[in-house]
Amino acid sequence: MEQLCPRCHEQQVAKSSTSNVTRQAGLVGLLIARSVSSYNCPACGKIPLAEFPEEFQSGVKKKRLFSILGAVGVFALVIVLLFVRELM
């Protein structure tokens, strides 16, 4: 979702980088890290979610919920596959 900075109303905000987490925690870590990463404006810096419009906040909260549920699902799938593999 593209959104203008709520402070300067000129720059597009972007999510913080999560490249270090990806290398260390894999897919589950990436999903969780991306869901909780903050938004940054090139001119204003880090912007708290509370400063954005309500409809943007609700969209971000939905995405965060589905991303965390996806991470839990991937983790559970890996555990189940390992358990099934051990039984064979």
PDB file of N, CA and C in Angstrom:
ATOM      1  N   MET A   1       0.839  -1.176   0.000  1.00  0.00           N
ATOM      2  CA  MET A   1       0.000   0.000   0.000  1.00  0.00           C
ATOM      3  C   MET A   1       0.883   1.239   0.000  1.00  0.00           C
ATOM      4  N   GLU A   2       0.730   2.048  -1.018  1.00  0.00           N
ATOM      5  CA  GLU A   2       1.482   3.285  -1.076  1.00  0.00           C
ATOM      6  C   GLU A   2       0.764   4.343  -0.250  1.00  0.00           C
ATOM      7  N   GLN A   3       1.553   5.089   0.501  1.00  0.00           N
ATOM      8  CA  GLN A   3       0.970   6.093   1.377  1.00  0.00           C
ATOM      9  C   GLN A   3       1.934   7.267   1.466  1.00  0.00           C
ATOM     10  N   LEU A   4       1.392   8.474   1.408  1.00  0.00           N
ATOM     11  CA  LEU A   4       2.206   9.660   1.612  1.00  0.00           C
ATOM     12  C   LEU A   4       2.496   9.830   3.091  1.00  0.00           C
ATOM     13  N   CYS A   5       3.609  10.448   3.375  1.00  0.00           N
ATOM     14  CA  CYS A   5       4.000  10.720   4.756  1.00  0.00           C
ATOM     15  C   CYS A   5       2.949  11.617   5.416  1.00  0.00           C
ATOM     16  N   PRO A   6       2.479  11.241   6.610  1.00  0.00           N
ATOM     17  CA  PRO A   6       1.472  12.081   7.272  1.00  0.00           C
ATOM     18  C   PRO A   6       2.052  13.385   7.828  1.00  0.00           C
ATOM     19  N   ARG A   7       3.360  13.502   7.865  1.00  0.00           N
ATOM     20  CA  ARG A   7       3.981  14.735   8.378  1.00  0.00           C
ATOM     21  C   ARG A   7       4.230  15.745   7.265  1.00  0.00           C
ATOM     22  N   CYS A   8       4.962  15.340   6.218  1.00  0.00           N
ATOM     23  CA  CYS A   8       5.336  16.294   5.168  1.00  0.00           C
ATOM     24  C   CYS A   8       4.385  16.252   3.969  1.00  0.00           C
ATOM     25  N   HIS A   9       3.616  15.200   3.808  1.00  0.00           N
ATOM     26  CA  HIS A   9       2.654  15.024   2.714  1.00  0.00           C
ATOM     27  C   HIS A   9       3.297  15.133   1.333  1.00  0.00           C
ATOM     28  N   GLU A  10       4.596  14.855   1.238  1.00  0.00           N
ATOM     29  CA  GLU A  10       5.291  14.946  -0.042  1.00  0.00           C
ATOM     30  C   GLU A  10       5.951  13.642  -0.449  1.00  0.00           C
ATOM     31  N   GLN A  11       6.520  12.905   0.489  1.00  0.00           N
ATOM     32  CA  GLN A  11       7.286  11.698   0.206  1.00  0.00           C
ATOM     33  C   GLN A  11       6.436  10.447   0.449  1.00  0.00           C
ATOM     34  N   GLN A  12       6.728   9.387  -0.317  1.00  0.00           N
ATOM     35  CA  GLN A  12       6.099   8.087  -0.085  1.00  0.00           C
ATOM     36  C   GLN A  12       6.842   7.402   1.060  1.00  0.00           C
ATOM     37  N   VAL A  13       6.105   6.804   1.971  1.00  0.00           N
ATOM     38  CA  VAL A  13       6.738   6.061   3.055  1.00  0.00           C
ATOM     39  C   VAL A  13       7.093   4.663   2.560  1.00  0.00           C
ATOM     40  N   ALA A  14       8.108   4.071   3.189  1.00  0.00           N
ATOM     41  CA  ALA A  14       8.549   2.725   2.847  1.00  0.00           C
ATOM     42  C   ALA A  14       8.810   1.963   4.133  1.00  0.00           C
ATOM     43  N   LYS A  15       8.700   0.638   4.059  1.00  0.00           N
ATOM     44  CA  LYS A  15       8.978  -0.201   5.233  1.00  0.00           C
ATOM     45  C   LYS A  15      10.477  -0.265   5.478  1.00  0.00           C
ATOM     46  N   SER A  16      10.843  -0.483   6.735  1.00  0.00           N
ATOM     47  CA  SER A  16      12.243  -0.647   7.103  1.00  0.00           C
ATOM     48  C   SER A  16      12.793  -1.932   6.494  1.00  0.00           C
ATOM     49  N   SER A  17      14.087  -1.990   6.314  1.00  0.00           N
ATOM     50  CA  SER A  17      14.741  -3.161   5.746  1.00  0.00           C
ATOM     51  C   SER A  17      14.798  -4.295   6.768  1.00  0.00           C
ATOM     52  N   THR A  18      14.659  -5.541   6.267  1.00  0.00           N
ATOM     53  CA  THR A  18      14.721  -6.717   7.134  1.00  0.00           C
ATOM     54  C   THR A  18      15.716  -7.744   6.594  1.00  0.00           C
ATOM     55  N   SER A  19      16.744  -7.301   5.867  1.00  0.00           N
ATOM     56  CA  SER A  19      17.657  -8.245   5.223  1.00  0.00           C
ATOM     57  C   SER A  19      18.451  -9.078   6.231  1.00  0.00           C
ATOM     58  N   ASN A  20      18.849  -8.510   7.354  1.00  0.00           N
ATOM     59  CA  ASN A  20      19.599  -9.277   8.357  1.00  0.00           C
ATOM     60  C   ASN A  20      18.752 -10.376   8.978  1.00  0.00           C
ATOM     61  N   VAL A  21      17.486 -10.110   9.195  1.00  0.00           N
ATOM     62  CA  VAL A  21      16.589 -11.098   9.789  1.00  0.00           C
ATOM     63  C   VAL A  21      16.415 -12.274   8.832  1.00  0.00           C
ATOM     64  N   THR A  22      16.307 -11.979   7.541  1.00  0.00           N
ATOM     65  CA  THR A  22      16.117 -13.037   6.551  1.00  0.00           C
ATOM     66  C   THR A  22      17.285 -14.010   6.569  1.00  0.00           C
ATOM     67  N   ARG A  23      18.477 -13.500   6.663  1.00  0.00           N
ATOM     68  CA  ARG A  23      19.655 -14.365   6.676  1.00  0.00           C
ATOM     69  C   ARG A  23      19.732 -15.206   7.943  1.00  0.00           C
ATOM     70  N   GLN A  24      19.233 -14.706   9.031  1.00  0.00           N
ATOM     71  CA  GLN A  24      19.387 -15.399  10.310  1.00  0.00           C
ATOM     72  C   GLN A  24      18.189 -16.260  10.689  1.00  0.00           C
ATOM     73  N   ALA A  25      16.972 -15.867  10.323  1.00  0.00           N
ATOM     74  CA  ALA A  25      15.790 -16.569  10.822  1.00  0.00           C
ATOM     75  C   ALA A  25      14.970 -17.256   9.736  1.00  0.00           C
ATOM     76  N   GLY A  26      15.314 -17.107   8.488  1.00  0.00           N
ATOM     77  CA  GLY A  26      14.596 -17.785   7.423  1.00  0.00           C
ATOM     78  C   GLY A  26      13.228 -17.198   7.140  1.00  0.00           C
ATOM     79  N   LEU A  27      12.376 -18.022   6.549  1.00  0.00           N
ATOM     80  CA  LEU A  27      11.063 -17.569   6.103  1.00  0.00           C
ATOM     81  C   LEU A  27      10.164 -17.134   7.251  1.00  0.00           C
ATOM     82  N   VAL A  28      10.134 -17.887   8.315  1.00  0.00           N
ATOM     83  CA  VAL A  28       9.281 -17.535   9.463  1.00  0.00           C
ATOM     84  C   VAL A  28       9.731 -16.207  10.059  1.00  0.00           C
ATOM     85  N   GLY A  29      11.021 -16.033  10.230  1.00  0.00           N
ATOM     86  CA  GLY A  29      11.546 -14.769  10.749  1.00  0.00           C
ATOM     87  C   GLY A  29      11.257 -13.608   9.824  1.00  0.00           C
ATOM     88  N   LEU A  30      11.358 -13.837   8.522  1.00  0.00           N
ATOM     89  CA  LEU A  30      11.064 -12.786   7.559  1.00  0.00           C
ATOM     90  C   LEU A  30       9.604 -12.360   7.639  1.00  0.00           C
ATOM     91  N   LEU A  31       8.691 -13.317   7.706  1.00  0.00           N
ATOM     92  CA  LEU A  31       7.266 -12.981   7.784  1.00  0.00           C
ATOM     93  C   LEU A  31       6.950 -12.176   9.038  1.00  0.00           C
ATOM     94  N   ILE A  32       7.520 -12.578  10.150  1.00  0.00           N
ATOM     95  CA  ILE A  32       7.259 -11.851  11.401  1.00  0.00           C
ATOM     96  C   ILE A  32       7.931 -10.483  11.384  1.00  0.00           C
ATOM     97  N   ALA A  33       9.170 -10.417  10.910  1.00  0.00           N
ATOM     98  CA  ALA A  33       9.887  -9.138  10.878  1.00  0.00           C
ATOM     99  C   ALA A  33       9.213  -8.139   9.947  1.00  0.00           C
ATOM    100  N   ARG A  34       8.756  -8.583   8.786  1.00  0.00           N
ATOM    101  CA  ARG A  34       8.075  -7.687   7.862  1.00  0.00           C
ATOM    102  C   ARG A  34       6.740  -7.212   8.430  1.00  0.00           C
ATOM    103  N   SER A  35       6.113  -8.040   9.234  1.00  0.00           N
ATOM    104  CA  SER A  35       4.815  -7.636   9.775  1.00  0.00           C
ATOM    105  C   SER A  35       4.945  -6.577  10.866  1.00  0.00           C
ATOM    106  N   VAL A  36       6.059  -6.553  11.560  1.00  0.00           N
ATOM    107  CA  VAL A  36       6.210  -5.583  12.644  1.00  0.00           C
ATOM    108  C   VAL A  36       7.180  -4.452  12.309  1.00  0.00           C
ATOM    109  N   SER A  37       7.697  -4.417  11.073  1.00  0.00           N
ATOM    110  CA  SER A  37       8.644  -3.355  10.718  1.00  0.00           C
ATOM    111  C   SER A  37       7.929  -2.007  10.637  1.00  0.00           C
ATOM    112  N   SER A  38       8.676  -0.963  10.878  1.00  0.00           N
ATOM    113  CA  SER A  38       8.105   0.381  10.908  1.00  0.00           C
ATOM    114  C   SER A  38       8.145   1.017   9.520  1.00  0.00           C
ATOM    115  N   TYR A  39       7.483   2.145   9.386  1.00  0.00           N
ATOM    116  CA  TYR A  39       7.469   2.902   8.145  1.00  0.00           C
ATOM    117  C   TYR A  39       8.415   4.081   8.274  1.00  0.00           C
ATOM    118  N   ASN A  40       9.131   4.359   7.186  1.00  0.00           N
ATOM    119  CA  ASN A  40      10.101   5.457   7.174  1.00  0.00           C
ATOM    120  C   ASN A  40       9.818   6.398   6.009  1.00  0.00           C
ATOM    121  N   CYS A  41       9.933   7.681   6.279  1.00  0.00           N
ATOM    122  CA  CYS A  41       9.854   8.707   5.246  1.00  0.00           C
ATOM    123  C   CYS A  41      11.287   9.155   4.949  1.00  0.00           C
ATOM    124  N   PRO A  42      11.659   9.316   3.676  1.00  0.00           N
ATOM    125  CA  PRO A  42      13.020   9.766   3.366  1.00  0.00           C
ATOM    126  C   PRO A  42      13.360  11.125   3.981  1.00  0.00           C
ATOM    127  N   ALA A  43      12.358  11.984   4.162  1.00  0.00           N
ATOM    128  CA  ALA A  43      12.612  13.314   4.708  1.00  0.00           C
ATOM    129  C   ALA A  43      12.407  13.392   6.220  1.00  0.00           C
ATOM    130  N   CYS A  44      11.410  12.685   6.738  1.00  0.00           N
ATOM    131  CA  CYS A  44      11.032  12.826   8.149  1.00  0.00           C
ATOM    132  C   CYS A  44      11.564  11.724   9.062  1.00  0.00           C
ATOM    133  N   GLY A  45      11.990  10.604   8.503  1.00  0.00           N
ATOM    134  CA  GLY A  45      12.486   9.501   9.327  1.00  0.00           C
ATOM    135  C   GLY A  45      11.371   8.529   9.690  1.00  0.00           C
ATOM    136  N   LYS A  46      11.531   7.869  10.839  1.00  0.00           N
ATOM    137  CA  LYS A  46      10.587   6.852  11.289  1.00  0.00           C
ATOM    138  C   LYS A  46       9.241   7.481  11.659  1.00  0.00           C
ATOM    139  N   ILE A  47       8.156   6.874  11.148  1.00  0.00           N
ATOM    140  CA  ILE A  47       6.809   7.373  11.398  1.00  0.00           C
ATOM    141  C   ILE A  47       6.020   6.301  12.151  1.00  0.00           C
ATOM    142  N   PRO A  48       5.495   6.596  13.340  1.00  0.00           N
ATOM    143  CA  PRO A  48       4.662   5.626  14.060  1.00  0.00           C
ATOM    144  C   PRO A  48       3.354   5.372  13.302  1.00  0.00           C
ATOM    145  N   LEU A  49       2.836   4.168  13.421  1.00  0.00           N
ATOM    146  CA  LEU A  49       1.598   3.801  12.731  1.00  0.00           C
ATOM    147  C   LEU A  49       0.424   4.675  13.176  1.00  0.00           C
ATOM    148  N   ALA A  50       0.452   5.136  14.403  1.00  0.00           N
ATOM    149  CA  ALA A  50      -0.650   5.945  14.936  1.00  0.00           C
ATOM    150  C   ALA A  50      -0.825   7.277  14.200  1.00  0.00           C
ATOM    151  N   GLU A  51       0.189   7.735  13.486  1.00  0.00           N
ATOM    152  CA  GLU A  51       0.094   9.014  12.774  1.00  0.00           C
ATOM    153  C   GLU A  51      -0.573   8.878  11.402  1.00  0.00           C
ATOM    154  N   PHE A  52      -0.772   7.668  10.931  1.00  0.00           N
ATOM    155  CA  PHE A  52      -1.375   7.462   9.621  1.00  0.00           C
ATOM    156  C   PHE A  52      -2.894   7.504   9.726  1.00  0.00           C
ATOM    157  N   PRO A  53      -3.580   7.698   8.574  1.00  0.00           N
ATOM    158  CA  PRO A  53      -5.051   7.691   8.591  1.00  0.00           C
ATOM    159  C   PRO A  53      -5.595   6.331   9.051  1.00  0.00           C
ATOM    160  N   GLU A  54      -6.807   6.346   9.571  1.00  0.00           N
ATOM    161  CA  GLU A  54      -7.419   5.143  10.145  1.00  0.00           C
ATOM    162  C   GLU A  54      -7.542   4.006   9.136  1.00  0.00           C
ATOM    163  N   GLU A  55      -7.912   4.304   7.890  1.00  0.00           N
ATOM    164  CA  GLU A  55      -8.072   3.232   6.900  1.00  0.00           C
ATOM    165  C   GLU A  55      -6.732   2.576   6.562  1.00  0.00           C
ATOM    166  N   PHE A  56      -5.647   3.336   6.558  1.00  0.00           N
ATOM    167  CA  PHE A  56      -4.315   2.775   6.332  1.00  0.00           C
ATOM    168  C   PHE A  56      -3.914   1.903   7.526  1.00  0.00           C
ATOM    169  N   GLN A  57      -4.194   2.375   8.732  1.00  0.00           N
ATOM    170  CA  GLN A  57      -3.877   1.606   9.938  1.00  0.00           C
ATOM    171  C   GLN A  57      -4.611   0.269   9.949  1.00  0.00           C
ATOM    172  N   SER A  58      -5.887   0.273   9.591  1.00  0.00           N
ATOM    173  CA  SER A  58      -6.636  -0.982   9.608  1.00  0.00           C
ATOM    174  C   SER A  58      -6.108  -1.954   8.555  1.00  0.00           C
ATOM    175  N   GLY A  59      -5.717  -1.452   7.387  1.00  0.00           N
ATOM    176  CA  GLY A  59      -5.126  -2.310   6.368  1.00  0.00           C
ATOM    177  C   GLY A  59      -3.813  -2.917   6.817  1.00  0.00           C
ATOM    178  N   VAL A  60      -2.984  -2.119   7.475  1.00  0.00           N
ATOM    179  CA  VAL A  60      -1.703  -2.607   7.982  1.00  0.00           C
ATOM    180  C   VAL A  60      -1.923  -3.648   9.071  1.00  0.00           C
ATOM    181  N   LYS A  61      -2.875  -3.412   9.940  1.00  0.00           N
ATOM    182  CA  LYS A  61      -3.163  -4.370  11.012  1.00  0.00           C
ATOM    183  C   LYS A  61      -3.649  -5.706  10.452  1.00  0.00           C
ATOM    184  N   LYS A  62      -4.476  -5.665   9.398  1.00  0.00           N
ATOM    185  CA  LYS A  62      -4.935  -6.902   8.759  1.00  0.00           C
ATOM    186  C   LYS A  62      -3.756  -7.651   8.146  1.00  0.00           C
ATOM    187  N   LYS A  63      -2.894  -6.922   7.438  1.00  0.00           N
ATOM    188  CA  LYS A  63      -1.726  -7.555   6.828  1.00  0.00           C
ATOM    189  C   LYS A  63      -0.814  -8.160   7.890  1.00  0.00           C
ATOM    190  N   ARG A  64      -0.646  -7.464   9.000  1.00  0.00           N
ATOM    191  CA  ARG A  64       0.192  -7.983  10.083  1.00  0.00           C
ATOM    192  C   ARG A  64      -0.388  -9.277  10.651  1.00  0.00           C
ATOM    193  N   LEU A  65      -1.681  -9.302  10.846  1.00  0.00           N
ATOM    194  CA  LEU A  65      -2.333 -10.490  11.385  1.00  0.00           C
ATOM    195  C   LEU A  65      -2.154 -11.680  10.444  1.00  0.00           C
ATOM    196  N   PHE A  66      -2.425 -11.486   9.154  1.00  0.00           N
ATOM    197  CA  PHE A  66      -2.291 -12.577   8.191  1.00  0.00           C
ATOM    198  C   PHE A  66      -0.836 -13.014   8.029  1.00  0.00           C
ATOM    199  N   SER A  67       0.081 -12.087   8.120  1.00  0.00           N
ATOM    200  CA  SER A  67       1.490 -12.434   8.001  1.00  0.00           C
ATOM    201  C   SER A  67       1.958 -13.277   9.184  1.00  0.00           C
ATOM    202  N   ILE A  68       1.548 -12.914  10.370  1.00  0.00           N
ATOM    203  CA  ILE A  68       1.920 -13.688  11.556  1.00  0.00           C
ATOM    204  C   ILE A  68       1.237 -15.052  11.537  1.00  0.00           C
ATOM    205  N   LEU A  69      -0.030 -15.101  11.120  1.00  0.00           N
ATOM    206  CA  LEU A  69      -0.708 -16.393  10.989  1.00  0.00           C
ATOM    207  C   LEU A  69      -0.019 -17.267   9.943  1.00  0.00           C
ATOM    208  N   GLY A  70       0.435 -16.658   8.854  1.00  0.00           N
ATOM    209  CA  GLY A  70       1.175 -17.397   7.838  1.00  0.00           C
ATOM    210  C   GLY A  70       2.479 -17.943   8.386  1.00  0.00           C
ATOM    211  N   ALA A  71       3.175 -17.153   9.190  1.00  0.00           N
ATOM    212  CA  ALA A  71       4.426 -17.603   9.797  1.00  0.00           C
ATOM    213  C   ALA A  71       4.185 -18.781  10.727  1.00  0.00           C
ATOM    214  N   VAL A  72       3.134 -18.710  11.513  1.00  0.00           N
ATOM    215  CA  VAL A  72       2.800 -19.816  12.410  1.00  0.00           C
ATOM    216  C   VAL A  72       2.427 -21.042  11.589  1.00  0.00           C
ATOM    217  N   GLY A  73       1.701 -20.851  10.494  1.00  0.00           N
ATOM    218  CA  GLY A  73       1.332 -21.960   9.624  1.00  0.00           C
ATOM    219  C   GLY A  73       2.539 -22.625   8.985  1.00  0.00           C
ATOM    220  N   VAL A  74       3.483 -21.826   8.505  1.00  0.00           N
ATOM    221  CA  VAL A  74       4.707 -22.386   7.916  1.00  0.00           C
ATOM    222  C   VAL A  74       5.493 -23.158   8.966  1.00  0.00           C
ATOM    223  N   PHE A  75       5.615 -22.598  10.132  1.00  0.00           N
ATOM    224  CA  PHE A  75       6.344 -23.267  11.216  1.00  0.00           C
ATOM    225  C   PHE A  75       5.675 -24.595  11.583  1.00  0.00           C
ATOM    226  N   ALA A  76       4.348 -24.582  11.696  1.00  0.00           N
ATOM    227  CA  ALA A  76       3.616 -25.806  12.029  1.00  0.00           C
ATOM    228  C   ALA A  76       3.759 -26.847  10.919  1.00  0.00           C
ATOM    229  N   LEU A  77       3.733 -26.411   9.669  1.00  0.00           N
ATOM    230  CA  LEU A  77       3.894 -27.325   8.542  1.00  0.00           C
ATOM    231  C   LEU A  77       5.263 -27.993   8.560  1.00  0.00           C
ATOM    232  N   VAL A  78       6.294 -27.239   8.857  1.00  0.00           N
ATOM    233  CA  VAL A  78       7.645 -27.807   8.944  1.00  0.00           C
ATOM    234  C   VAL A  78       7.724 -28.823  10.076  1.00  0.00           C
ATOM    235  N   ILE A  79       7.152 -28.507  11.218  1.00  0.00           N
ATOM    236  CA  ILE A  79       7.159 -29.444  12.348  1.00  0.00           C
ATOM    237  C   ILE A  79       6.414 -30.726  11.984  1.00  0.00           C
ATOM    238  N   VAL A  80       5.253 -30.602  11.356  1.00  0.00           N
ATOM    239  CA  VAL A  80       4.475 -31.779  10.960  1.00  0.00           C
ATOM    240  C   VAL A  80       5.251 -32.617   9.951  1.00  0.00           C
ATOM    241  N   LEU A  81       5.859 -31.980   8.968  1.00  0.00           N
ATOM    242  CA  LEU A  81       6.633 -32.716   7.966  1.00  0.00           C
ATOM    243  C   LEU A  81       7.823 -33.434   8.592  1.00  0.00           C
ATOM    244  N   LEU A  82       8.477 -32.790   9.544  1.00  0.00           N
ATOM    245  CA  LEU A  82       9.590 -33.465  10.226  1.00  0.00           C
ATOM    246  C   LEU A  82       9.096 -34.642  11.055  1.00  0.00           C
ATOM    247  N   PHE A  83       7.959 -34.487  11.698  1.00  0.00           N
ATOM    248  CA  PHE A  83       7.392 -35.562  12.505  1.00  0.00           C
ATOM    249  C   PHE A  83       6.994 -36.745  11.623  1.00  0.00           C
ATOM    250  N   VAL A  84       6.358 -36.472  10.495  1.00  0.00           N
ATOM    251  CA  VAL A  84       5.947 -37.520   9.567  1.00  0.00           C
ATOM    252  C   VAL A  84       7.186 -38.225   8.990  1.00  0.00           C
ATOM    253  N   ARG A  85       8.210 -37.474   8.697  1.00  0.00           N
ATOM    254  CA  ARG A  85       9.448 -38.038   8.159  1.00  0.00           C
ATOM    255  C   ARG A  85      10.098 -38.993   9.170  1.00  0.00           C
ATOM    256  N   GLU A  86      10.046 -38.639  10.423  1.00  0.00           N
ATOM    257  CA  GLU A  86      10.630 -39.501  11.470  1.00  0.00           C
ATOM    258  C   GLU A  86       9.835 -40.793  11.642  1.00  0.00           C
ATOM    259  N   LEU A  87       8.531 -40.752  11.388  1.00  0.00           N
ATOM    260  CA  LEU A  87       7.704 -41.947  11.525  1.00  0.00           C
ATOM    261  C   LEU A  87       7.932 -42.944  10.399  1.00  0.00           C
ATOM    262  N   MET A  88       8.407 -42.491   9.262  1.00  0.00           N
ATOM    263  CA  MET A  88       8.606 -43.394   8.119  1.00  0.00           C
ATOM    264  C   MET A  88       9.891 -44.127   8.179  1.00  0.00           C
TER     265      MET A  88
END
